[in-house]
Amino acid sequence: MDVFVEQLVVRKRTGGDYLIIAGCILTALLVCFFIPLFLGRFLGAFTLLICVGFVYLLYNVMIGTNLEYEYSFTNGAVDVDKIIAAKRRKHVTSLNAREIEMMGTTKNRAFEGYMNNSEIKKVYACSSVKDEGVFFVLYTEGGKRKLLLFNPEERIQDGFRRLNPQKVFLND
């Protein structure tokens, strides 16, 4: 029997995201004020085009802080994609539930050791690391060890548990 589960998780904005947004707004205002002041006499209508282009660039940077993650679980194969501003999709990682080293909650004793290990690449695909319901998966992709932080729903957790019960610790 085939198992297919898709889940969409919205990443919460951080303080850094709000700083980026505020910086973009302030920069757009300053650029739109100073470019016409300095170049207005020489370039005329071209000045307006520069301002509009710059504001459009800053707008794209601002909406780029709007992130969602999509998890696709198909018969043990897990694909994680990042959706930027509900427009662009970027593949983040892939793994197989049968080949993981360990899965658990962030309350697991081993979690801190993995987070502090600089040789393990961290893959953040969760709403917020500090939220309840964040799980980690330690796996190998392309010869490198990786630690995926994500918010799987119950059906995805059950899929991992059924395919690799000895390496899944969900009740700790």
C-alpha atoms as a PDB file:
ATOM      1  CA  MET A   1       0.000   0.000   0.000  1.00  0.00           C
ATOM      2  CA  ASP A   2       1.419   3.382  -1.026  1.00  0.00           C
ATOM      3  CA  VAL A   3       1.746   6.104   1.564  1.00  0.00           C
ATOM      4  CA  PHE A   4       1.722   9.730   0.406  1.00  0.00           C
ATOM      5  CA  VAL A   5       1.547  12.711   2.767  1.00  0.00           C
ATOM      6  CA  GLU A   6       2.126  16.381   1.961  1.00  0.00           C
ATOM      7  CA  GLN A   7       2.400  19.070   4.593  1.00  0.00           C
ATOM      8  CA  LEU A   8       2.932  22.825   4.408  1.00  0.00           C
ATOM      9  CA  VAL A   9       4.571  24.681   7.330  1.00  0.00           C
ATOM     10  CA  VAL A  10       4.820  28.475   7.516  1.00  0.00           C
ATOM     11  CA  ARG A  11       8.044  29.813   9.000  1.00  0.00           C
ATOM     12  CA  LYS A  12       7.516  32.454  11.656  1.00  0.00           C
ATOM     13  CA  ARG A  13       9.266  35.744  11.022  1.00  0.00           C
ATOM     14  CA  THR A  14      12.232  36.467  13.246  1.00  0.00           C
ATOM     15  CA  GLY A  15      13.627  39.733  14.556  1.00  0.00           C
ATOM     16  CA  GLY A  16      16.181  39.618  11.745  1.00  0.00           C
ATOM     17  CA  ASP A  17      13.378  39.441   9.180  1.00  0.00           C
ATOM     18  CA  TYR A  18      11.752  42.537  10.644  1.00  0.00           C
ATOM     19  CA  LEU A  19      15.117  44.336  10.573  1.00  0.00           C
ATOM     20  CA  ILE A  20      15.486  43.471   6.874  1.00  0.00           C
ATOM     21  CA  ILE A  21      11.998  44.810   6.147  1.00  0.00           C
ATOM     22  CA  ALA A  22      12.600  48.018   8.111  1.00  0.00           C
ATOM     23  CA  GLY A  23      15.994  48.492   6.451  1.00  0.00           C
ATOM     24  CA  CYS A  24      14.494  48.035   2.983  1.00  0.00           C
ATOM     25  CA  ILE A  25      11.746  50.578   3.654  1.00  0.00           C
ATOM     26  CA  LEU A  26      14.231  53.103   5.049  1.00  0.00           C
ATOM     27  CA  THR A  27      16.652  52.537   2.159  1.00  0.00           C
ATOM     28  CA  ALA A  28      13.869  52.931  -0.420  1.00  0.00           C
ATOM     29  CA  LEU A  29      12.789  56.222   1.138  1.00  0.00           C
ATOM     30  CA  LEU A  30      16.339  57.555   1.270  1.00  0.00           C
ATOM     31  CA  VAL A  31      17.167  56.473  -2.286  1.00  0.00           C
ATOM     32  CA  CYS A  32      13.952  57.981  -3.665  1.00  0.00           C
ATOM     33  CA  PHE A  33      14.769  61.221  -1.898  1.00  0.00           C
ATOM     34  CA  PHE A  34      18.496  61.544  -2.650  1.00  0.00           C
ATOM     35  CA  ILE A  35      18.796  60.204  -6.212  1.00  0.00           C
ATOM     36  CA  PRO A  36      16.491  62.858  -7.680  1.00  0.00           C
ATOM     37  CA  LEU A  37      18.267  65.456  -5.572  1.00  0.00           C
ATOM     38  CA  PHE A  38      21.718  64.608  -6.991  1.00  0.00           C
ATOM     39  CA  LEU A  39      20.952  63.223 -10.428  1.00  0.00           C
ATOM     40  CA  GLY A  40      17.703  65.000 -11.204  1.00  0.00           C
ATOM     41  CA  ARG A  41      19.352  67.876 -13.037  1.00  0.00           C
ATOM     42  CA  PHE A  42      21.459  65.638 -15.237  1.00  0.00           C
ATOM     43  CA  LEU A  43      19.439  62.558 -16.031  1.00  0.00           C
ATOM     44  CA  GLY A  44      15.815  63.735 -15.836  1.00  0.00           C
ATOM     45  CA  ALA A  45      13.384  60.876 -16.523  1.00  0.00           C
ATOM     46  CA  PHE A  46      16.118  58.265 -16.115  1.00  0.00           C
ATOM     47  CA  THR A  47      16.208  59.175 -12.403  1.00  0.00           C
ATOM     48  CA  LEU A  48      12.620  58.026 -11.986  1.00  0.00           C
ATOM     49  CA  LEU A  49      13.444  54.730 -13.681  1.00  0.00           C
ATOM     50  CA  ILE A  50      16.378  54.174 -11.306  1.00  0.00           C
ATOM     51  CA  CYS A  51      14.155  54.853  -8.277  1.00  0.00           C
ATOM     52  CA  VAL A  52      11.400  52.511  -9.456  1.00  0.00           C
ATOM     53  CA  GLY A  53      13.908  49.754 -10.210  1.00  0.00           C
ATOM     54  CA  PHE A  54      15.553  50.111  -6.827  1.00  0.00           C
ATOM     55  CA  VAL A  55      12.212  50.074  -4.990  1.00  0.00           C
ATOM     56  CA  TYR A  56      11.213  46.932  -6.917  1.00  0.00           C
ATOM     57  CA  LEU A  57      14.484  45.247  -5.918  1.00  0.00           C
ATOM     58  CA  LEU A  58      13.933  46.126  -2.253  1.00  0.00           C
ATOM     59  CA  TYR A  59      10.328  44.888  -2.448  1.00  0.00           C
ATOM     60  CA  ASN A  60      11.585  41.487  -3.654  1.00  0.00           C
ATOM     61  CA  VAL A  61      14.064  41.342  -0.769  1.00  0.00           C
ATOM     62  CA  MET A  62      11.254  42.152   1.691  1.00  0.00           C
ATOM     63  CA  ILE A  63       8.828  39.517   0.427  1.00  0.00           C
ATOM     64  CA  GLY A  64      11.685  37.016   0.356  1.00  0.00           C
ATOM     65  CA  THR A  65      11.349  36.802   4.152  1.00  0.00           C
ATOM     66  CA  ASN A  66       7.935  35.137   3.663  1.00  0.00           C
ATOM     67  CA  LEU A  67       8.913  31.438   3.733  1.00  0.00           C
ATOM     68  CA  GLU A  68       6.989  28.179   3.789  1.00  0.00           C
ATOM     69  CA  TYR A  69       8.294  24.628   3.820  1.00  0.00           C
ATOM     70  CA  GLU A  70       6.632  21.705   2.088  1.00  0.00           C
ATOM     71  CA  TYR A  71       7.278  18.146   3.214  1.00  0.00           C
ATOM     72  CA  SER A  72       6.419  15.290   0.853  1.00  0.00           C
ATOM     73  CA  PHE A  73       6.509  11.791   2.334  1.00  0.00           C
ATOM     74  CA  THR A  74       6.115   9.038  -0.279  1.00  0.00           C
ATOM     75  CA  ASN A  75       6.738   5.445   0.778  1.00  0.00           C
ATOM     76  CA  GLY A  76       9.639   6.501   3.010  1.00  0.00           C
ATOM     77  CA  ALA A  77      11.182   9.031   0.633  1.00  0.00           C
ATOM     78  CA  VAL A  78      11.067  12.509   2.130  1.00  0.00           C
ATOM     79  CA  ASP A  79      11.497  15.656   0.051  1.00  0.00           C
ATOM     80  CA  VAL A  80      11.680  19.104   1.643  1.00  0.00           C
ATOM     81  CA  ASP A  81      11.118  22.212  -0.485  1.00  0.00           C
ATOM     82  CA  LYS A  82      11.254  25.884   0.463  1.00  0.00           C
ATOM     83  CA  ILE A  83       8.557  28.130  -0.997  1.00  0.00           C
ATOM     84  CA  ILE A  84       9.604  31.772  -1.123  1.00  0.00           C
ATOM     85  CA  ALA A  85       6.891  34.449  -1.115  1.00  0.00           C
ATOM     86  CA  ALA A  86       4.345  31.855  -2.359  1.00  0.00           C
ATOM     87  CA  LYS A  87       5.929  32.184  -5.815  1.00  0.00           C
ATOM     88  CA  ARG A  88       9.247  30.370  -6.095  1.00  0.00           C
ATOM     89  CA  ARG A  89      10.101  26.842  -5.034  1.00  0.00           C
ATOM     90  CA  LYS A  90      13.584  25.658  -4.081  1.00  0.00           C
ATOM     91  CA  HIS A  91      14.507  22.077  -3.209  1.00  0.00           C
ATOM     92  CA  VAL A  92      16.127  21.901   0.232  1.00  0.00           C
ATOM     93  CA  THR A  93      16.903  18.230   0.875  1.00  0.00           C
ATOM     94  CA  SER A  94      15.876  14.609   0.332  1.00  0.00           C
ATOM     95  CA  LEU A  95      16.219  11.585   2.556  1.00  0.00           C
ATOM     96  CA  ASN A  96      14.942   8.058   2.998  1.00  0.00           C
ATOM     97  CA  ALA A  97      13.236   7.139   6.274  1.00  0.00           C
ATOM     98  CA  ARG A  98      14.752   3.638   6.122  1.00  0.00           C
ATOM     99  CA  GLU A  99      18.311   5.033   6.107  1.00  0.00           C
ATOM    100  CA  ILE A 100      18.227   7.641   8.895  1.00  0.00           C
ATOM    101  CA  GLU A 101      20.603   7.479  11.853  1.00  0.00           C
ATOM    102  CA  MET A 102      18.108   8.888  14.351  1.00  0.00           C
ATOM    103  CA  MET A 103      14.851  10.820  14.671  1.00  0.00           C
ATOM    104  CA  GLY A 104      13.523  12.448  17.822  1.00  0.00           C
ATOM    105  CA  THR A 105      12.120  15.546  19.431  1.00  0.00           C
ATOM    106  CA  THR A 106      14.306  18.507  20.258  1.00  0.00           C
ATOM    107  CA  LYS A 107      13.919  17.504  23.933  1.00  0.00           C
ATOM    108  CA  ASN A 108      15.972  14.343  23.293  1.00  0.00           C
ATOM    109  CA  ARG A 109      19.312  14.246  25.139  1.00  0.00           C
ATOM    110  CA  ALA A 110      21.255  13.616  21.914  1.00  0.00           C
ATOM    111  CA  PHE A 111      19.840  16.708  20.186  1.00  0.00           C
ATOM    112  CA  GLU A 112      22.140  19.266  21.846  1.00  0.00           C
ATOM    113  CA  GLY A 113      25.199  17.203  20.977  1.00  0.00           C
ATOM    114  CA  TYR A 114      24.191  17.103  17.316  1.00  0.00           C
ATOM    115  CA  MET A 115      23.436  20.841  17.272  1.00  0.00           C
ATOM    116  CA  ASN A 116      26.846  21.657  18.759  1.00  0.00           C
ATOM    117  CA  ASN A 117      28.715  19.376  16.334  1.00  0.00           C
ATOM    118  CA  SER A 118      30.209  21.635  13.657  1.00  0.00           C
ATOM    119  CA  GLU A 119      30.758  18.721  11.263  1.00  0.00           C
ATOM    120  CA  ILE A 120      27.002  18.143  10.921  1.00  0.00           C
ATOM    121  CA  LYS A 121      25.242  20.525   8.535  1.00  0.00           C
ATOM    122  CA  LYS A 122      21.999  21.927   9.958  1.00  0.00           C
ATOM    123  CA  VAL A 123      18.950  22.133   7.671  1.00  0.00           C
ATOM    124  CA  TYR A 124      16.234  24.369   9.124  1.00  0.00           C
ATOM    125  CA  ALA A 125      12.796  23.634   7.672  1.00  0.00           C
ATOM    126  CA  CYS A 126      10.612  24.399  10.671  1.00  0.00           C
ATOM    127  CA  SER A 127       8.272  27.152  11.819  1.00  0.00           C
ATOM    128  CA  SER A 128      10.704  28.134  14.589  1.00  0.00           C
ATOM    129  CA  VAL A 129      13.377  26.133  16.385  1.00  0.00           C
ATOM    130  CA  LYS A 130      11.871  27.130  19.731  1.00  0.00           C
ATOM    131  CA  ASP A 131       8.355  25.863  18.917  1.00  0.00           C
ATOM    132  CA  GLU A 132       6.758  22.767  20.365  1.00  0.00           C
ATOM    133  CA  GLY A 133       6.483  19.907  17.918  1.00  0.00           C
ATOM    134  CA  VAL A 134       9.882  20.405  16.292  1.00  0.00           C
ATOM    135  CA  PHE A 135      11.652  17.157  15.459  1.00  0.00           C
ATOM    136  CA  PHE A 136      15.127  16.387  14.192  1.00  0.00           C
ATOM    137  CA  VAL A 137      16.371  13.741  11.790  1.00  0.00           C
ATOM    138  CA  LEU A 138      20.032  12.828  11.525  1.00  0.00           C
ATOM    139  CA  TYR A 139      20.855  11.397   8.095  1.00  0.00           C
ATOM    140  CA  THR A 140      23.524  11.259   5.407  1.00  0.00           C
ATOM    141  CA  GLU A 141      23.133  12.938   2.027  1.00  0.00           C
ATOM    142  CA  GLY A 142      25.906  13.002  -0.542  1.00  0.00           C
ATOM    143  CA  GLY A 143      28.416  11.610   1.950  1.00  0.00           C
ATOM    144  CA  LYS A 144      27.780  14.401   4.465  1.00  0.00           C
ATOM    145  CA  ARG A 145      25.915  14.099   7.747  1.00  0.00           C
ATOM    146  CA  LYS A 146      22.971  16.460   8.054  1.00  0.00           C
ATOM    147  CA  LEU A 147      20.506  17.379  10.785  1.00  0.00           C
ATOM    148  CA  LEU A 148      17.022  18.287   9.556  1.00  0.00           C
ATOM    149  CA  LEU A 149      14.814  20.310  11.899  1.00  0.00           C
ATOM    150  CA  PHE A 150      11.159  20.164  10.866  1.00  0.00           C
ATOM    151  CA  ASN A 151       7.528  20.028  12.089  1.00  0.00           C
ATOM    152  CA  PRO A 152       6.115  16.740  10.773  1.00  0.00           C
ATOM    153  CA  GLU A 153       2.456  15.986  11.309  1.00  0.00           C
ATOM    154  CA  GLU A 154       1.328  12.761  12.969  1.00  0.00           C
ATOM    155  CA  ARG A 155       1.052  10.765   9.723  1.00  0.00           C
ATOM    156  CA  ILE A 156       4.652  11.573   8.742  1.00  0.00           C
ATOM    157  CA  GLN A 157       5.862  10.648  12.240  1.00  0.00           C
ATOM    158  CA  ASP A 158       3.987   7.329  11.978  1.00  0.00           C
ATOM    159  CA  GLY A 159       5.581   6.688   8.586  1.00  0.00           C
ATOM    160  CA  PHE A 160       9.070   7.112  10.053  1.00  0.00           C
ATOM    161  CA  ARG A 161       8.142   4.931  13.031  1.00  0.00           C
ATOM    162  CA  ARG A 162       6.804   2.108  10.838  1.00  0.00           C
ATOM    163  CA  LEU A 163       9.780   2.115   8.455  1.00  0.00           C
ATOM    164  CA  ASN A 164      12.582   2.462  11.015  1.00  0.00           C
ATOM    165  CA  PRO A 165      11.220   1.802  14.545  1.00  0.00           C
ATOM    166  CA  GLN A 166      14.592   1.186  16.214  1.00  0.00           C
ATOM    167  CA  LYS A 167      15.914   4.652  15.296  1.00  0.00           C
ATOM    168  CA  VAL A 168      12.803   6.780  15.935  1.00  0.00           C
ATOM    169  CA  PHE A 169      12.349   8.245  19.431  1.00  0.00           C
ATOM    170  CA  LEU A 170       9.172  10.323  19.512  1.00  0.00           C
ATOM    171  CA  ASN A 171       8.189  10.028  23.196  1.00  0.00           C
ATOM    172  CA  ASP A 172      11.164  11.602  24.945  1.00  0.00           C
END
